[in-house]
Structures are given as structure tokens and as C-alpha cells.
Amino acid sequence: MPRLTRAVLIGATITSGAAALLGLAWMSGLLPTLYDGADTALLARFAGPDVVTTVHTVAGLAGVATGIMALAGALGARGRVWAAALQLLVFGLVLQSAGTLSTVGYLVAMAMPVAIVVLLVQVVRRYRVARWAVGMPLLAGLAVGGFLARDALASIAALLGAGLAAQQTVLVAALLFIALGSLWAVVGVQALAGTSAMGRATAWVVRHRRAVTIVAATGPLPYALVRLSWLTPWPQFGEGLDLSTRIWGLTLSSGAWLGVFLTLGLIRPWGEVFPRWMPGLAGRRVPIAAAAVPGGLIAATVTFTAVPMLIMFGEQSLAQGVWGAIIFPCWYWGPALALAVWGYVAHRVEADRAGADRAGADRAAGLEPGEAAADRAAAV
């Protein structure tokens, strides 16, 4: 078994084990169950908390059993596909809720102020012109704004701290389900690798990856624009908001804009080679996993949330439901982002393989890497 396949199987088995232990703790009463309301899971709308907790626990134990069997070589490719499908059905659909996206979105937003400051510092360090035109003015603006809005920022920090403390179980479960579902999805894909159907699908995705990636990049845009409007005199869906809420809306918007930027990076040169403002990494090849892992996790998050979100919108008035589906377009954003990541990985693997073959041919011809590159440039 290839090393990567074994590593993913181990990760999937461990996360299934963690889910099973959590379920057993809920069933035994050691911890209060997560599924104590209809909005905690899709299945909780139709069954009581005991049934939902039992489904959770049995699915986790099944994941452990099938993972161990696969690692021992007792489960073939078809069995791994069915095992992955079961885990995705349970933890990626019937146990999901609309709160998963909110949890991840809030965590990303909390990290955005630090990310923005680090980015601006790198602009000041690396770009002579942008240092005074962009970097220093924005850093100064952030410092002044932070001082003037210090009371509002303190209020936001207090609310977020209290919210995280009160929602520890929800936070842990949401992150666990995302990791579990993502790992089992990779297990299924790895089991299908090498089949003619997977080859045809991959070829189609690579051919259309630019269009698919652009579509995926539009997913966060409606939400980003709505939250950005909270800083204007015409806030959309946010009339009568205080300063703290408006600042938090801007922070949430920045996380969505980051999603747009990083998604486009899947088809841009800086998605394959680190730009020069990245200290210690400038000019180096971006590891495939550095883009594929976070992209895949976000794709899983959005896709898992799609059905619960659509059901929630369906329970609202027609106008509210339509606006909700437009502002939170998980129904196309998640699948499109998954295809974009798939296309990126396939493109990079193909490009790296071609580069390795070319380097081997150059060595066989007795050419040094620099000479080979010069010869190709001259030919062009």
C-alpha cells in the first residue's frame, strides 16, 4: 500500500475513533449530547437525540472497523469506496447542520486581523513603492482605528471569548466532522484512482478547471459584499447595528475576500510558486498539499452545510429563502470548490511529472539544469 494511502487511512481511522469515543461519552451520560435540538443535525429534525447519538456512535465504530480492515489489507478498493460513502453519508450529511459553516467562518474571521497585519508588514518590507503608497498608510490607519474603536473591539473580544467557551462541544464536533469527512472522501478517491472512470473524470476537470475555479471564487462574494456594506450608510440586512457589530461584519467580510483570493490562486502563478513577499519561501514551488488541504477542508465544510442550509431557507418565506440561497450559495460553491481543488492537484501532479521527465532527459543528454533551460528558452 502506498505511504500516502496508508497515512490517509490512519487519519480516517483515528478521526472515526474520536467520533466513536465522543458518541459513547454522550450515550453513557459522561457528557451532554450535542443533538439536543432539531437544529443540531439534519437527522435531529426527524428523530430524537438518543437515535441521532446512536447513529453517530455506530457510524464512528464502523469507520474504525473498516479502517483497521483496510490497513490490514482485508478490504479491497470497492470496500474502501463503500466505507467512505457510508462515513460521508452520516457525518457529511445526516449529522450536519447549518452551524458548521458559521463555526468555521468565525474561526477564520478571528484569525484575519493577524493575517492582515502580517501581510501589510511584508508589503512594507518587500515593496519599495507600495511601502509608502499602501503598507504604511494602512498600518497607520489600522493603529488609529484600533485606538478609536478600542471599546468596541474589547466588546467583540469578550463576546467571542464567551461564545467559544459556551460552544466548546459544537466547535470540537464541527471540526472533527469536517476532518473525518474530508479524510474518508480522500480514501474513496484513492480507492478509485487508476480506474478508467476516474481517469476520464480527472481529464474533464483539468480541461475545465479555469472556468470551474472562477465559478468557485464567486461563492463567497455575495456574503462578502453584504458584510462590507455594513460600513456604509446603506447596510444590507443590518439596519440599526452598533459599531461592534459593524466591525465584526467587516472582519467576516475580510475572511470571505480571502476565500476569493485563495480560490483564484488555484489557477494563478502564485498558486504554484511563492511570491517574493513570502519570507524564506519566495520563488519556491508551493507544495501541492499547502493548497489542496485547506482548499479541500473548506470545500468539505461548504458542501456538508449545503443541504441543511437549503432546508433552513425552505422553511422561510419565499423572498427570505431566495435571498438566503443567494447570499450563502453553498449549493454550488462547495461542489465547485471541490472540483477546483481536484483540478489543481491533477494539474500540479501532471506538471511535476512532466518536469521530472524533462530533467531526467536533460541529465541523460549530459546537460546541466541551467544549460537545458537556456536551450529551451533559445528554442522559443
Foldseek 3Di string as FASTA:
>chain_A
DDPVLLVLLVLLLVLLLVQLVVLVCCQVVVDPQQLCDCQQWQLSVPDPRVVLSVLSNVLSVLSNVLSVCVNVVNAALVRLLVNLVSLCCNLLAGRDHLCLVVLVLLVLLVCVVVVVLLVLVLCLVPPPVCVVVPSPVVVVVVVVVCVVCVVLVVVLVVVVVVVCVVCVVVNVSSVSSLSNSLSSVVSNLVSCPPDPVNVVVLVVLLVCLLVLLLVLLCQQVLLLVQLQCLVDPDRDPQPPDDPSSNVSSNSSSSSSNVSSVLSNLLVDPCVQAPDPSPPPRHGHGDPLCVSLVVLSSVLSSLLSHQVNQLVVLVVDDPVSSVVSCVNRVSVSNSVSSNSNSSNSSVVVVVVVVVVVVLVVVCVVVVHDPVRVVVVVVVVD
